């Protein structure tokens, strides 16, 4: 099971700085990735998120409404989301 982080910007960096160890993150998710990796971890498109492996999805972007709608479309259970 994995922890995924939606966002590859300041919010994600701050989350790491506040103590979430990179070793606990399976990968990052971003609708418009600027690269294939972020902080040494793979960056997936939302539709690439492996739902069977997703224990928790932490959303670090400012666009929470859009991400919440996208998560519903993708079938991500609400109890796996942390905004």
N, C-alpha and C. Protein backbone atom coordinates (compact mmCIF):
# COMPACT_ATOMS: atom_id res chain seq x y z
N UNK A 1 0.85 -1.18 0.00
CA UNK A 1 0.00 0.00 0.00
C UNK A 1 0.89 1.24 0.00
N UNK A 2 0.40 2.31 -0.62
CA UNK A 2 1.24 3.46 -0.74
C UNK A 2 0.55 4.78 -0.42
N UNK A 3 1.38 5.74 -0.13
CA UNK A 3 0.94 7.11 0.06
C UNK A 3 1.33 7.86 -1.20
N UNK A 4 0.36 8.54 -1.80
CA UNK A 4 0.58 9.33 -3.00
C UNK A 4 0.32 10.79 -2.66
N UNK A 5 1.03 11.67 -3.32
CA UNK A 5 0.88 13.11 -3.09
C UNK A 5 0.49 13.76 -4.40
N UNK A 6 -0.67 14.44 -4.40
CA UNK A 6 -1.15 15.14 -5.60
C UNK A 6 -0.60 16.55 -5.56
N UNK A 7 0.28 16.84 -6.48
CA UNK A 7 0.91 18.15 -6.57
C UNK A 7 2.42 18.02 -6.55
N UNK A 8 3.07 18.87 -7.32
CA UNK A 8 4.54 18.85 -7.38
C UNK A 8 5.09 20.26 -7.25
N UNK A 9 4.45 21.03 -6.40
CA UNK A 9 4.89 22.40 -6.22
C UNK A 9 5.28 22.69 -4.79
N UNK A 10 5.06 23.93 -4.40
CA UNK A 10 5.45 24.39 -3.06
C UNK A 10 4.76 23.60 -1.95
N UNK A 11 3.50 23.27 -2.14
CA UNK A 11 2.76 22.54 -1.11
C UNK A 11 3.36 21.17 -0.85
N UNK A 12 3.75 20.49 -1.90
CA UNK A 12 4.37 19.17 -1.76
C UNK A 12 5.74 19.29 -1.09
N UNK A 13 6.51 20.28 -1.50
CA UNK A 13 7.82 20.50 -0.90
C UNK A 13 7.69 20.81 0.59
N UNK A 14 6.70 21.62 0.93
CA UNK A 14 6.47 21.98 2.33
C UNK A 14 6.06 20.76 3.15
N UNK A 15 5.26 19.90 2.58
CA UNK A 15 4.86 18.67 3.25
C UNK A 15 6.09 17.83 3.62
N UNK A 16 7.03 17.73 2.71
CA UNK A 16 8.27 16.98 2.95
C UNK A 16 9.09 17.68 4.04
N UNK A 17 9.19 19.00 3.95
CA UNK A 17 9.95 19.77 4.94
C UNK A 17 9.36 19.64 6.34
N UNK A 18 8.03 19.44 6.41
CA UNK A 18 7.37 19.32 7.72
C UNK A 18 7.46 17.92 8.29
N UNK A 19 8.05 16.99 7.54
CA UNK A 19 8.33 15.70 8.15
C UNK A 19 7.82 14.45 7.47
N UNK A 20 7.06 14.56 6.39
CA UNK A 20 6.67 13.34 5.69
C UNK A 20 7.87 12.85 4.89
N UNK A 21 8.43 11.75 5.30
CA UNK A 21 9.64 11.23 4.65
C UNK A 21 9.38 10.76 3.23
N UNK A 22 10.30 11.08 2.35
CA UNK A 22 10.18 10.68 0.96
C UNK A 22 10.06 9.17 0.82
N UNK A 23 10.65 8.42 1.72
CA UNK A 23 10.59 6.96 1.65
C UNK A 23 9.17 6.43 1.83
N UNK A 24 8.29 7.24 2.40
CA UNK A 24 6.90 6.83 2.61
C UNK A 24 6.01 7.13 1.41
N UNK A 25 6.51 7.93 0.48
CA UNK A 25 5.72 8.33 -0.69
C UNK A 25 5.99 7.37 -1.84
N UNK A 26 4.93 6.78 -2.37
CA UNK A 26 5.06 5.88 -3.52
C UNK A 26 5.39 6.68 -4.78
N UNK A 27 4.65 7.76 -5.01
CA UNK A 27 4.92 8.66 -6.12
C UNK A 27 4.05 9.90 -5.98
N UNK A 28 4.30 10.85 -6.86
CA UNK A 28 3.53 12.08 -6.91
C UNK A 28 2.55 11.99 -8.07
N UNK A 29 1.47 12.75 -7.99
CA UNK A 29 0.45 12.80 -9.03
C UNK A 29 0.29 14.26 -9.44
N UNK A 30 0.22 14.51 -10.74
CA UNK A 30 0.05 15.88 -11.20
C UNK A 30 -0.65 15.87 -12.55
N UNK A 31 -1.64 16.72 -12.71
CA UNK A 31 -2.37 16.81 -13.97
C UNK A 31 -1.52 17.41 -15.08
N UNK A 32 -0.59 18.27 -14.72
CA UNK A 32 0.28 18.93 -15.69
C UNK A 32 1.73 18.86 -15.20
N UNK A 33 2.31 17.66 -15.21
CA UNK A 33 3.66 17.52 -14.66
C UNK A 33 4.70 18.27 -15.49
N UNK A 34 5.67 18.83 -14.80
CA UNK A 34 6.74 19.54 -15.49
C UNK A 34 7.93 18.62 -15.73
N UNK A 35 7.83 17.38 -15.29
CA UNK A 35 8.90 16.41 -15.50
C UNK A 35 8.42 15.03 -15.12
N UNK A 36 9.25 14.04 -15.34
CA UNK A 36 8.90 12.66 -15.03
C UNK A 36 9.11 12.32 -13.56
N UNK A 37 9.93 13.14 -12.87
CA UNK A 37 10.18 12.92 -11.45
C UNK A 37 10.08 14.23 -10.68
N UNK A 38 9.85 14.07 -9.38
CA UNK A 38 9.84 15.21 -8.46
C UNK A 38 10.47 14.71 -7.16
N UNK A 39 11.51 15.38 -6.72
CA UNK A 39 12.25 14.98 -5.53
C UNK A 39 12.68 13.51 -5.61
N UNK A 40 12.99 13.07 -6.82
CA UNK A 40 13.48 11.71 -7.02
C UNK A 40 12.41 10.64 -7.12
N UNK A 41 11.15 11.02 -7.05
CA UNK A 41 10.03 10.06 -7.15
C UNK A 41 9.31 10.26 -8.48
N UNK A 42 8.71 9.19 -8.98
CA UNK A 42 7.97 9.26 -10.23
C UNK A 42 6.77 10.19 -10.10
N UNK A 43 6.43 10.87 -11.19
CA UNK A 43 5.23 11.70 -11.25
C UNK A 43 4.26 11.03 -12.22
N UNK A 44 3.08 10.71 -11.71
CA UNK A 44 2.04 10.06 -12.51
C UNK A 44 0.96 11.05 -12.91
N UNK A 45 0.34 10.79 -14.04
CA UNK A 45 -0.89 11.50 -14.38
C UNK A 45 -2.00 10.91 -13.52
N UNK A 46 -3.06 11.67 -13.23
CA UNK A 46 -4.13 11.15 -12.37
C UNK A 46 -4.69 9.80 -12.82
N UNK A 47 -4.85 9.61 -14.12
CA UNK A 47 -5.40 8.35 -14.60
C UNK A 47 -4.44 7.18 -14.45
N UNK A 48 -3.18 7.45 -14.13
CA UNK A 48 -2.19 6.40 -13.91
C UNK A 48 -2.12 5.96 -12.44
N UNK A 49 -2.82 6.63 -11.57
CA UNK A 49 -2.79 6.32 -10.14
C UNK A 49 -3.32 4.90 -9.92
N UNK A 50 -2.52 4.02 -9.35
CA UNK A 50 -2.97 2.64 -9.12
C UNK A 50 -3.89 2.57 -7.89
N UNK A 51 -5.19 2.56 -8.14
CA UNK A 51 -6.16 2.61 -7.04
C UNK A 51 -6.01 1.46 -6.07
N UNK A 52 -5.62 0.29 -6.55
CA UNK A 52 -5.48 -0.86 -5.66
C UNK A 52 -4.32 -0.70 -4.70
N UNK A 53 -3.38 0.17 -5.01
CA UNK A 53 -2.20 0.38 -4.17
C UNK A 53 -2.30 1.65 -3.33
N UNK A 54 -3.29 2.48 -3.59
CA UNK A 54 -3.39 3.79 -2.95
C UNK A 54 -4.03 3.68 -1.56
N UNK A 55 -3.19 3.81 -0.55
CA UNK A 55 -3.66 3.81 0.83
C UNK A 55 -4.17 5.19 1.22
N UNK A 56 -3.47 6.22 0.75
CA UNK A 56 -3.79 7.61 1.08
C UNK A 56 -3.32 8.50 -0.05
N UNK A 57 -4.16 9.47 -0.42
CA UNK A 57 -3.80 10.47 -1.42
C UNK A 57 -3.86 11.83 -0.74
N UNK A 58 -2.70 12.44 -0.57
CA UNK A 58 -2.60 13.75 0.07
C UNK A 58 -2.58 14.81 -1.02
N UNK A 59 -3.53 15.71 -0.98
CA UNK A 59 -3.65 16.76 -2.00
C UNK A 59 -2.98 18.03 -1.48
N UNK A 60 -1.97 18.49 -2.21
CA UNK A 60 -1.20 19.66 -1.78
C UNK A 60 -1.38 20.86 -2.69
N UNK A 61 -2.23 20.75 -3.68
CA UNK A 61 -2.43 21.85 -4.61
C UNK A 61 -3.51 22.80 -4.13
N UNK A 62 -3.50 24.01 -4.64
CA UNK A 62 -4.52 25.01 -4.30
C UNK A 62 -5.84 24.72 -4.97
N UNK A 63 -5.84 23.93 -6.00
CA UNK A 63 -7.04 23.67 -6.82
C UNK A 63 -7.84 22.49 -6.26
N UNK A 64 -8.21 22.59 -5.00
CA UNK A 64 -8.84 21.45 -4.33
C UNK A 64 -10.19 21.07 -4.93
N UNK A 65 -10.98 22.03 -5.36
CA UNK A 65 -12.29 21.71 -5.94
C UNK A 65 -12.13 20.89 -7.22
N UNK A 66 -11.22 21.31 -8.07
CA UNK A 66 -10.98 20.59 -9.33
C UNK A 66 -10.42 19.20 -9.06
N UNK A 67 -9.53 19.09 -8.10
CA UNK A 67 -8.94 17.79 -7.76
C UNK A 67 -10.01 16.88 -7.16
N UNK A 68 -10.86 17.42 -6.31
CA UNK A 68 -11.94 16.62 -5.71
C UNK A 68 -12.86 16.07 -6.80
N UNK A 69 -13.20 16.90 -7.77
CA UNK A 69 -14.05 16.44 -8.88
C UNK A 69 -13.35 15.36 -9.70
N UNK A 70 -12.07 15.55 -9.93
CA UNK A 70 -11.29 14.56 -10.69
C UNK A 70 -11.22 13.24 -9.94
N UNK A 71 -11.06 13.30 -8.64
CA UNK A 71 -11.00 12.08 -7.82
C UNK A 71 -12.31 11.31 -7.89
N UNK A 72 -13.44 12.03 -7.90
CA UNK A 72 -14.75 11.37 -8.04
C UNK A 72 -14.81 10.67 -9.39
N UNK A 73 -14.37 11.36 -10.45
CA UNK A 73 -14.38 10.78 -11.80
C UNK A 73 -13.51 9.52 -11.87
N UNK A 74 -12.41 9.53 -11.15
CA UNK A 74 -11.48 8.40 -11.18
C UNK A 74 -11.91 7.26 -10.26
N UNK A 75 -12.91 7.52 -9.41
CA UNK A 75 -13.38 6.49 -8.50
C UNK A 75 -12.53 6.33 -7.25
N UNK A 76 -11.84 7.38 -6.86
CA UNK A 76 -11.02 7.33 -5.65
C UNK A 76 -11.94 7.53 -4.46
N UNK A 77 -11.98 6.59 -3.54
CA UNK A 77 -12.85 6.72 -2.37
C UNK A 77 -12.50 7.94 -1.52
N UNK A 78 -13.52 8.62 -1.04
CA UNK A 78 -13.34 9.84 -0.25
C UNK A 78 -12.50 9.58 1.01
N UNK A 79 -12.61 8.38 1.57
CA UNK A 79 -11.86 8.09 2.80
C UNK A 79 -10.36 7.91 2.56
N UNK A 80 -9.94 7.95 1.31
CA UNK A 80 -8.51 7.86 0.99
C UNK A 80 -7.91 9.22 0.66
N UNK A 81 -8.71 10.28 0.76
CA UNK A 81 -8.27 11.62 0.41
C UNK A 81 -7.99 12.46 1.65
N UNK A 82 -6.91 13.21 1.60
CA UNK A 82 -6.57 14.15 2.65
C UNK A 82 -6.23 15.48 1.99
N UNK A 83 -7.07 16.50 2.25
CA UNK A 83 -6.85 17.83 1.65
C UNK A 83 -6.16 18.73 2.64
